[in-house]
Amino acid sequence: MSQAQQIKISDKIQGVIEKDFDNKVIGRRELTLKLYHIGTGTPSRNEIKKAISELLNTKEDLIVVRKVFTSYGAGISNARVHVYTNKETLEKYEPKHLLTRGTSTKKEGEQGG
């Protein structure tokens, strides 16, 4: 069995790629990460995207962080990430709300609080 690939999110946040599945039918890589952030907050989706982008040498706009789950009181999170080969496939399979999550764009008529 091969050793899990290490990933560095920031100075205080490290991670391990537990599963790396190449879904050739859809045209994406499906990653399951375990993130260790003892003493700090859960890493943001943008931090995770940036780290995955640097590790896999791909564009950040082809990466979708599907889910980040942290148990209460634990400094360990699990994340599911999809890495696509092209923008068309990404827009076809991913829900619209996940594509805009974490961006600062506002819908028409929406007010800031």
C-alpha atoms as a PDB file:
ATOM      1  CA  MET A   1       0.000   0.000   0.000  1.00  0.00           C
ATOM      2  CA  SER A   2       1.372   3.403  -0.968  1.00  0.00           C
ATOM      3  CA  GLN A   3       1.858   6.205   1.509  1.00  0.00           C
ATOM      4  CA  ALA A   4      -0.857   8.897   1.531  1.00  0.00           C
ATOM      5  CA  GLN A   5       0.098  12.135  -0.162  1.00  0.00           C
ATOM      6  CA  GLN A   6       0.698  15.077   2.195  1.00  0.00           C
ATOM      7  CA  ILE A   7      -0.741  18.524   1.497  1.00  0.00           C
ATOM      8  CA  LYS A   8       0.069  21.822   3.198  1.00  0.00           C
ATOM      9  CA  ILE A   9      -2.820  24.295   3.409  1.00  0.00           C
ATOM     10  CA  SER A  10      -1.044  26.901   5.571  1.00  0.00           C
ATOM     11  CA  ASP A  11       1.596  27.089   8.304  1.00  0.00           C
ATOM     12  CA  LYS A  12      -0.755  25.599  10.898  1.00  0.00           C
ATOM     13  CA  ILE A  13      -2.940  23.431   8.661  1.00  0.00           C
ATOM     14  CA  GLN A  14      -1.724  20.144   7.178  1.00  0.00           C
ATOM     15  CA  GLY A  15      -3.639  17.490   5.316  1.00  0.00           C
ATOM     16  CA  VAL A  16      -3.538  14.028   3.822  1.00  0.00           C
ATOM     17  CA  ILE A  17      -5.184  12.827   0.616  1.00  0.00           C
ATOM     18  CA  GLU A  18      -6.929   9.663   1.798  1.00  0.00           C
ATOM     19  CA  LYS A  19      -8.616   8.716  -1.474  1.00  0.00           C
ATOM     20  CA  ASP A  20      -7.759   9.734  -5.019  1.00  0.00           C
ATOM     21  CA  PHE A  21     -10.164   8.329  -7.597  1.00  0.00           C
ATOM     22  CA  ASP A  22      -9.841   9.148 -11.302  1.00  0.00           C
ATOM     23  CA  ASN A  23     -13.410   9.125 -12.670  1.00  0.00           C
ATOM     24  CA  LYS A  24     -12.730   8.774 -16.399  1.00  0.00           C
ATOM     25  CA  VAL A  25     -16.409   8.555 -17.344  1.00  0.00           C
ATOM     26  CA  ILE A  26     -17.136  12.074 -16.064  1.00  0.00           C
ATOM     27  CA  GLY A  27     -13.629  13.476 -16.551  1.00  0.00           C
ATOM     28  CA  ARG A  28     -12.667  14.439 -13.020  1.00  0.00           C
ATOM     29  CA  ARG A  29     -10.537  13.400 -10.052  1.00  0.00           C
ATOM     30  CA  GLU A  30     -12.423  12.817  -6.827  1.00  0.00           C
ATOM     31  CA  LEU A  31     -10.337  13.478  -3.719  1.00  0.00           C
ATOM     32  CA  THR A  32     -11.087  12.807  -0.066  1.00  0.00           C
ATOM     33  CA  LEU A  33      -8.913  14.836   2.295  1.00  0.00           C
ATOM     34  CA  LYS A  34      -8.310  14.705   6.021  1.00  0.00           C
ATOM     35  CA  LEU A  35      -7.235  18.122   7.293  1.00  0.00           C
ATOM     36  CA  TYR A  36      -5.496  18.647  10.635  1.00  0.00           C
ATOM     37  CA  HIS A  37      -6.000  22.139  12.067  1.00  0.00           C
ATOM     38  CA  ILE A  38      -5.527  21.695  15.813  1.00  0.00           C
ATOM     39  CA  GLY A  39      -5.852  25.063  17.567  1.00  0.00           C
ATOM     40  CA  THR A  40      -7.114  26.927  14.499  1.00  0.00           C
ATOM     41  CA  GLY A  41     -10.427  27.240  12.687  1.00  0.00           C
ATOM     42  CA  THR A  42     -11.636  25.113   9.820  1.00  0.00           C
ATOM     43  CA  PRO A  43      -9.819  26.082   6.608  1.00  0.00           C
ATOM     44  CA  SER A  44     -11.847  27.994   4.036  1.00  0.00           C
ATOM     45  CA  ARG A  45     -12.822  26.589   0.672  1.00  0.00           C
ATOM     46  CA  ASN A  46     -10.502  29.088  -1.028  1.00  0.00           C
ATOM     47  CA  GLU A  47      -7.526  27.943   1.070  1.00  0.00           C
ATOM     48  CA  ILE A  48      -8.250  24.328   0.168  1.00  0.00           C
ATOM     49  CA  LYS A  49      -8.635  25.183  -3.539  1.00  0.00           C
ATOM     50  CA  LYS A  50      -5.338  27.069  -3.579  1.00  0.00           C
ATOM     51  CA  ALA A  51      -3.441  24.207  -1.906  1.00  0.00           C
ATOM     52  CA  ILE A  52      -4.938  21.564  -4.242  1.00  0.00           C
ATOM     53  CA  SER A  53      -4.181  23.785  -7.241  1.00  0.00           C
ATOM     54  CA  GLU A  54      -0.511  24.089  -6.251  1.00  0.00           C
ATOM     55  CA  LEU A  55      -0.191  20.384  -5.480  1.00  0.00           C
ATOM     56  CA  LEU A  56      -1.776  19.134  -8.718  1.00  0.00           C
ATOM     57  CA  ASN A  57      -0.588  21.991 -10.982  1.00  0.00           C
ATOM     58  CA  THR A  58      -4.099  22.852 -12.150  1.00  0.00           C
ATOM     59  CA  LYS A  59      -6.227  25.999 -12.288  1.00  0.00           C
ATOM     60  CA  GLU A  60      -8.257  26.965  -9.219  1.00  0.00           C
ATOM     61  CA  ASP A  61     -11.406  27.500 -11.301  1.00  0.00           C
ATOM     62  CA  LEU A  62     -11.421  23.770 -12.208  1.00  0.00           C
ATOM     63  CA  ILE A  63     -11.583  22.734  -8.535  1.00  0.00           C
ATOM     64  CA  VAL A  64     -14.825  22.399  -6.556  1.00  0.00           C
ATOM     65  CA  VAL A  65     -14.824  21.815  -2.802  1.00  0.00           C
ATOM     66  CA  ARG A  66     -17.995  19.765  -2.397  1.00  0.00           C
ATOM     67  CA  LYS A  67     -18.072  19.384   1.379  1.00  0.00           C
ATOM     68  CA  VAL A  68     -16.006  20.293   4.434  1.00  0.00           C
ATOM     69  CA  PHE A  69     -17.103  18.561   7.623  1.00  0.00           C
ATOM     70  CA  THR A  70     -15.665  19.186  11.085  1.00  0.00           C
ATOM     71  CA  SER A  71     -16.857  17.356  14.176  1.00  0.00           C
ATOM     72  CA  TYR A  72     -17.597  19.599  17.150  1.00  0.00           C
ATOM     73  CA  GLY A  73     -14.513  20.312  19.221  1.00  0.00           C
ATOM     74  CA  ALA A  74     -12.161  18.417  16.935  1.00  0.00           C
ATOM     75  CA  GLY A  75      -9.303  19.996  15.046  1.00  0.00           C
ATOM     76  CA  ILE A  76      -9.737  17.487  12.234  1.00  0.00           C
ATOM     77  CA  SER A  77     -11.906  17.997   9.153  1.00  0.00           C
ATOM     78  CA  ASN A  78     -12.850  15.816   6.218  1.00  0.00           C
ATOM     79  CA  ALA A  79     -13.241  17.385   2.780  1.00  0.00           C
ATOM     80  CA  ARG A  80     -14.492  16.108  -0.573  1.00  0.00           C
ATOM     81  CA  VAL A  81     -13.000  17.812  -3.617  1.00  0.00           C
ATOM     82  CA  HIS A  82     -13.598  17.370  -7.346  1.00  0.00           C
ATOM     83  CA  VAL A  83     -10.892  18.396  -9.837  1.00  0.00           C
ATOM     84  CA  TYR A  84     -12.108  18.697 -13.435  1.00  0.00           C
ATOM     85  CA  THR A  85     -10.203  18.601 -16.705  1.00  0.00           C
ATOM     86  CA  ASN A  86     -12.239  21.365 -18.384  1.00  0.00           C
ATOM     87  CA  LYS A  87     -14.756  24.094 -17.532  1.00  0.00           C
ATOM     88  CA  GLU A  88     -17.605  22.648 -19.630  1.00  0.00           C
ATOM     89  CA  THR A  89     -17.634  19.362 -17.714  1.00  0.00           C
ATOM     90  CA  LEU A  90     -17.499  21.207 -14.407  1.00  0.00           C
ATOM     91  CA  GLU A  91     -20.532  23.343 -15.287  1.00  0.00           C
ATOM     92  CA  LYS A  92     -22.425  20.288 -16.512  1.00  0.00           C
ATOM     93  CA  TYR A  93     -22.055  18.175 -13.353  1.00  0.00           C
ATOM     94  CA  GLU A  94     -21.683  20.578 -10.423  1.00  0.00           C
ATOM     95  CA  PRO A  95     -24.629  22.397  -8.808  1.00  0.00           C
ATOM     96  CA  LYS A  96     -24.727  26.144  -9.495  1.00  0.00           C
ATOM     97  CA  HIS A  97     -24.674  27.064  -5.798  1.00  0.00           C
ATOM     98  CA  LEU A  98     -21.322  25.292  -5.327  1.00  0.00           C
ATOM     99  CA  LEU A  99     -19.777  27.194  -8.220  1.00  0.00           C
ATOM    100  CA  THR A 100     -20.597  30.571  -6.646  1.00  0.00           C
ATOM    101  CA  ARG A 101     -19.928  29.594  -3.022  1.00  0.00           C
ATOM    102  CA  GLY A 102     -16.956  31.389  -1.561  1.00  0.00           C
ATOM    103  CA  THR A 103     -16.935  34.103  -4.227  1.00  0.00           C
ATOM    104  CA  SER A 104     -17.778  37.720  -3.468  1.00  0.00           C
ATOM    105  CA  THR A 105     -20.284  38.139  -6.292  1.00  0.00           C
ATOM    106  CA  LYS A 106     -23.763  39.270  -5.258  1.00  0.00           C
ATOM    107  CA  LYS A 107     -27.017  38.590  -7.030  1.00  0.00           C
ATOM    108  CA  GLU A 108     -28.974  41.441  -8.504  1.00  0.00           C
ATOM    109  CA  GLY A 109     -31.102  43.154  -5.838  1.00  0.00           C
ATOM    110  CA  GLU A 110     -29.197  41.551  -2.937  1.00  0.00           C
ATOM    111  CA  GLN A 111     -28.073  43.855  -0.149  1.00  0.00           C
ATOM    112  CA  GLY A 112     -25.110  43.590   2.150  1.00  0.00           C
ATOM    113  CA  GLY A 113     -25.790  43.515   5.900  1.00  0.00           C
END
